[in-house]
């Protein structure tokens, strides 16, 4: 609280909660009005591909994950899952299929712990820490499988004139192209266009 050193766990807990509540507040009342804009939609084939059973993708996703990074809350990292794949494969795929059918994640699969990593040496204030979340491996697998499926259909729903959200395109590209266009006009002496 202010510049006062606090060691009482209840007070530290309350102050940490206040700090992170402010960071994750959702602004209410902001509404986007789009009028009569027509958006692209998925083809029937793409729609059907979104509801097909995840099977091959599960193993691909597991092998895409860095094996030695921080373990999940229960202590297993992806190296363990990869090395034990023959034993774990059926249970992992069954869990993913269960999620796909019910849209529910089994209790405990989405458990995560928040860890605070110091931003500066000798941190003494809460805002000098960055929070990270240690998320369970099954939760990561489901998230990444969904992400891969969505990535496949994004080009169908994102317009070609958009410069973000598509592979090999960056939002900054639009500004760079516009800036180059203005510079070219300046060089040619067409200042009245700028």
Protein backbone atom coordinates (compact mmCIF):
# COMPACT_ATOMS: atom_id res chain seq x y z
CA UNK A 1 0.00 0.00 0.00
CA UNK A 2 1.78 3.09 -1.23
CA UNK A 3 5.41 2.94 -0.17
CA UNK A 4 4.68 0.87 2.94
CA UNK A 5 6.26 -2.61 3.23
CA UNK A 6 3.61 -5.30 3.80
CA UNK A 7 4.24 -8.85 5.00
CA UNK A 8 0.84 -9.95 6.31
CA UNK A 9 -0.40 -12.63 3.86
CA UNK A 10 -4.03 -11.45 3.94
CA UNK A 11 -3.09 -7.85 3.13
CA UNK A 12 -0.62 -8.91 0.40
CA UNK A 13 -3.32 -11.15 -1.11
CA UNK A 14 -5.90 -8.35 -1.05
CA UNK A 15 -3.51 -5.81 -2.63
CA UNK A 16 -2.39 -8.28 -5.34
CA UNK A 17 -6.01 -9.04 -6.15
CA UNK A 18 -6.78 -5.30 -6.48
CA UNK A 19 -3.78 -4.77 -8.78
CA UNK A 20 -4.75 -7.59 -11.17
CA UNK A 21 -8.48 -6.81 -11.09
CA UNK A 22 -7.70 -3.36 -12.46
CA UNK A 23 -5.52 -4.84 -15.24
CA UNK A 24 -8.20 -7.23 -16.43
CA UNK A 25 -11.29 -5.04 -16.20
CA UNK A 26 -13.50 -5.14 -19.28
CA UNK A 27 -14.61 -1.77 -20.58
CA UNK A 28 -18.39 -1.77 -20.79
CA UNK A 29 -20.47 0.37 -23.07
CA UNK A 30 -18.14 0.17 -26.07
CA UNK A 31 -20.12 -1.06 -28.99
CA UNK A 32 -19.13 -1.30 -32.62
CA UNK A 33 -21.81 -0.47 -35.15
CA UNK A 34 -21.07 -1.96 -38.54
CA UNK A 35 -24.23 -1.07 -40.39
CA UNK A 36 -24.86 -3.12 -43.49
CA UNK A 37 -21.36 -4.48 -43.98
CA UNK A 38 -21.40 -8.02 -45.35
CA UNK A 39 -18.85 -10.41 -43.99
CA UNK A 40 -17.43 -13.48 -45.66
CA UNK A 41 -18.65 -16.81 -44.32
CA UNK A 42 -17.30 -20.35 -44.34
CA UNK A 43 -18.05 -22.70 -47.19
CA UNK A 44 -19.99 -25.89 -46.42
CA UNK A 45 -16.79 -27.93 -46.78
CA UNK A 46 -14.88 -25.71 -44.34
CA UNK A 47 -17.78 -25.80 -41.88
CA UNK A 48 -17.79 -29.61 -41.97
CA UNK A 49 -14.02 -29.72 -41.47
CA UNK A 50 -14.46 -27.72 -38.26
CA UNK A 51 -16.60 -30.44 -36.71
CA UNK A 52 -14.62 -33.48 -37.81
CA UNK A 53 -12.95 -35.51 -35.04
CA UNK A 54 -9.54 -34.35 -33.92
CA UNK A 55 -7.27 -37.39 -34.07
CA UNK A 56 -4.11 -36.99 -36.15
CA UNK A 57 -3.91 -33.34 -35.14
CA UNK A 58 -3.54 -34.26 -31.47
CA UNK A 59 -0.20 -36.01 -31.96
CA UNK A 60 1.01 -33.25 -34.31
CA UNK A 61 0.21 -30.62 -31.69
CA UNK A 62 2.00 -32.56 -28.94
CA UNK A 63 5.12 -32.79 -31.09
CA UNK A 64 4.91 -29.07 -31.95
CA UNK A 65 5.13 -28.12 -28.27
CA UNK A 66 8.51 -27.36 -26.75
CA UNK A 67 9.23 -30.35 -24.53
CA UNK A 68 11.36 -28.89 -21.75
CA UNK A 69 9.52 -25.64 -21.06
CA UNK A 70 7.85 -25.07 -17.73
CA UNK A 71 5.85 -28.02 -16.50
CA UNK A 72 2.13 -27.89 -15.96
CA UNK A 73 0.77 -27.45 -12.42
CA UNK A 74 0.98 -31.22 -11.87
CA UNK A 75 4.64 -31.32 -12.86
CA UNK A 76 4.66 -33.02 -16.30
CA UNK A 77 6.10 -31.27 -19.31
CA UNK A 78 5.72 -32.23 -22.97
CA UNK A 79 8.92 -34.32 -22.97
CA UNK A 80 7.18 -36.67 -20.53
CA UNK A 81 4.09 -36.84 -22.76
CA UNK A 82 6.18 -37.46 -25.90
CA UNK A 83 8.28 -40.17 -24.23
CA UNK A 84 5.14 -41.85 -22.87
CA UNK A 85 3.00 -41.31 -25.96
CA UNK A 86 2.27 -45.00 -26.59
CA UNK A 87 0.83 -45.31 -23.08
CA UNK A 88 -0.88 -41.89 -22.89
CA UNK A 89 -2.07 -41.57 -26.50
CA UNK A 90 -5.52 -43.13 -26.05
CA UNK A 91 -6.32 -41.15 -22.91
CA UNK A 92 -5.12 -37.86 -24.40
CA UNK A 93 -7.10 -38.37 -27.63
CA UNK A 94 -10.17 -39.50 -25.63
CA UNK A 95 -9.97 -36.33 -23.52
CA UNK A 96 -9.80 -34.18 -26.66
CA UNK A 97 -12.77 -36.07 -28.18
CA UNK A 98 -14.70 -35.62 -24.92
CA UNK A 99 -14.11 -31.88 -25.14
CA UNK A 100 -15.14 -31.86 -28.79
CA UNK A 101 -18.41 -33.65 -28.06
CA UNK A 102 -19.38 -31.86 -24.84
CA UNK A 103 -17.50 -28.54 -25.07
CA UNK A 104 -16.49 -29.22 -21.47
CA UNK A 105 -13.02 -29.72 -20.13
CA UNK A 106 -12.76 -32.27 -17.35
CA UNK A 107 -12.31 -30.70 -13.94
CA UNK A 108 -8.63 -30.20 -13.28
CA UNK A 109 -7.52 -30.10 -16.92
CA UNK A 110 -7.76 -26.33 -17.03
CA UNK A 111 -6.16 -25.78 -13.65
CA UNK A 112 -3.42 -23.19 -13.79
CA UNK A 113 -1.13 -21.39 -11.41
CA UNK A 114 -0.08 -17.79 -11.73
CA UNK A 115 3.62 -17.21 -11.13
CA UNK A 116 5.14 -13.76 -10.75
CA UNK A 117 8.38 -13.11 -12.61
CA UNK A 118 10.39 -10.02 -11.58
CA UNK A 119 10.75 -7.37 -14.30
CA UNK A 120 13.62 -5.64 -12.51
CA UNK A 121 16.35 -6.75 -10.14
CA UNK A 122 15.47 -6.55 -6.43
CA UNK A 123 11.74 -6.09 -7.07
CA UNK A 124 9.84 -4.72 -4.08
CA UNK A 125 6.55 -3.54 -5.59
CA UNK A 126 3.80 -5.61 -7.16
CA UNK A 127 3.83 -3.72 -10.45
CA UNK A 128 7.49 -4.71 -10.86
CA UNK A 129 6.41 -8.30 -11.54
CA UNK A 130 5.06 -9.88 -14.72
CA UNK A 131 2.49 -12.60 -14.28
CA UNK A 132 2.65 -15.85 -16.21
CA UNK A 133 0.30 -18.77 -16.04
CA UNK A 134 1.36 -22.40 -15.77
CA UNK A 135 -1.39 -24.17 -17.69
CA UNK A 136 -2.04 -27.92 -17.84
CA UNK A 137 -0.77 -29.86 -20.86
CA UNK A 138 -4.21 -31.17 -21.86
CA UNK A 139 -5.58 -27.63 -21.86
CA UNK A 140 -2.66 -26.54 -24.09
CA UNK A 141 -3.25 -29.47 -26.45
CA UNK A 142 -6.96 -28.64 -26.84
CA UNK A 143 -6.19 -24.94 -27.35
CA UNK A 144 -3.55 -25.63 -29.97
CA UNK A 145 -5.71 -28.14 -31.87
CA UNK A 146 -8.52 -25.56 -31.99
CA UNK A 147 -6.04 -22.91 -33.06
CA UNK A 148 -4.80 -25.11 -35.94
CA UNK A 149 -8.36 -25.74 -37.12
CA UNK A 150 -9.20 -22.04 -37.01
CA UNK A 151 -5.96 -21.13 -38.80
CA UNK A 152 -7.03 -23.34 -41.72
CA UNK A 153 -10.33 -21.51 -42.26
CA UNK A 154 -9.25 -17.94 -41.48
CA UNK A 155 -8.33 -17.15 -45.10
CA UNK A 156 -11.96 -17.88 -46.05
CA UNK A 157 -13.40 -15.34 -43.64
CA UNK A 158 -10.73 -12.63 -43.66
CA UNK A 159 -10.92 -10.34 -46.67
CA UNK A 160 -7.93 -10.18 -49.01
CA UNK A 161 -7.57 -6.43 -48.49
CA UNK A 162 -6.91 -6.90 -44.77
CA UNK A 163 -3.26 -6.75 -43.90
CA UNK A 164 -3.40 -8.52 -40.54
CA UNK A 165 -4.49 -11.92 -39.25
CA UNK A 166 -3.13 -13.80 -42.28
CA UNK A 167 0.14 -15.67 -42.54
CA UNK A 168 3.04 -13.58 -43.85
CA UNK A 169 1.05 -10.35 -43.41
CA UNK A 170 1.62 -7.79 -40.72
CA UNK A 171 -0.59 -4.85 -39.81
CA UNK A 172 2.42 -2.55 -40.12
CA UNK A 173 2.72 -3.45 -43.83
CA UNK A 174 -0.20 -1.12 -44.69
CA UNK A 175 1.51 1.84 -43.05
CA UNK A 176 4.82 1.07 -44.72
CA UNK A 177 3.20 0.83 -48.17
CA UNK A 178 1.28 4.09 -47.61
CA UNK A 179 4.45 5.83 -46.39
CA UNK A 180 6.40 4.63 -49.43
CA UNK A 181 3.61 5.90 -51.68
CA UNK A 182 3.71 9.35 -50.05
CA UNK A 183 7.50 9.48 -50.30
CA UNK A 184 7.32 8.58 -54.00
CA UNK A 185 4.79 11.37 -54.61
CA UNK A 186 7.06 13.84 -52.79
CA UNK A 187 10.04 12.80 -54.91
CA UNK A 188 8.04 13.33 -58.10
CA UNK A 189 7.07 16.78 -56.87
CA UNK A 190 3.35 16.08 -56.58
CA UNK A 191 2.93 17.85 -53.25
CA UNK A 192 -0.69 18.76 -53.98
CA UNK A 193 -1.58 15.04 -53.74
CA UNK A 194 -0.13 14.67 -50.26
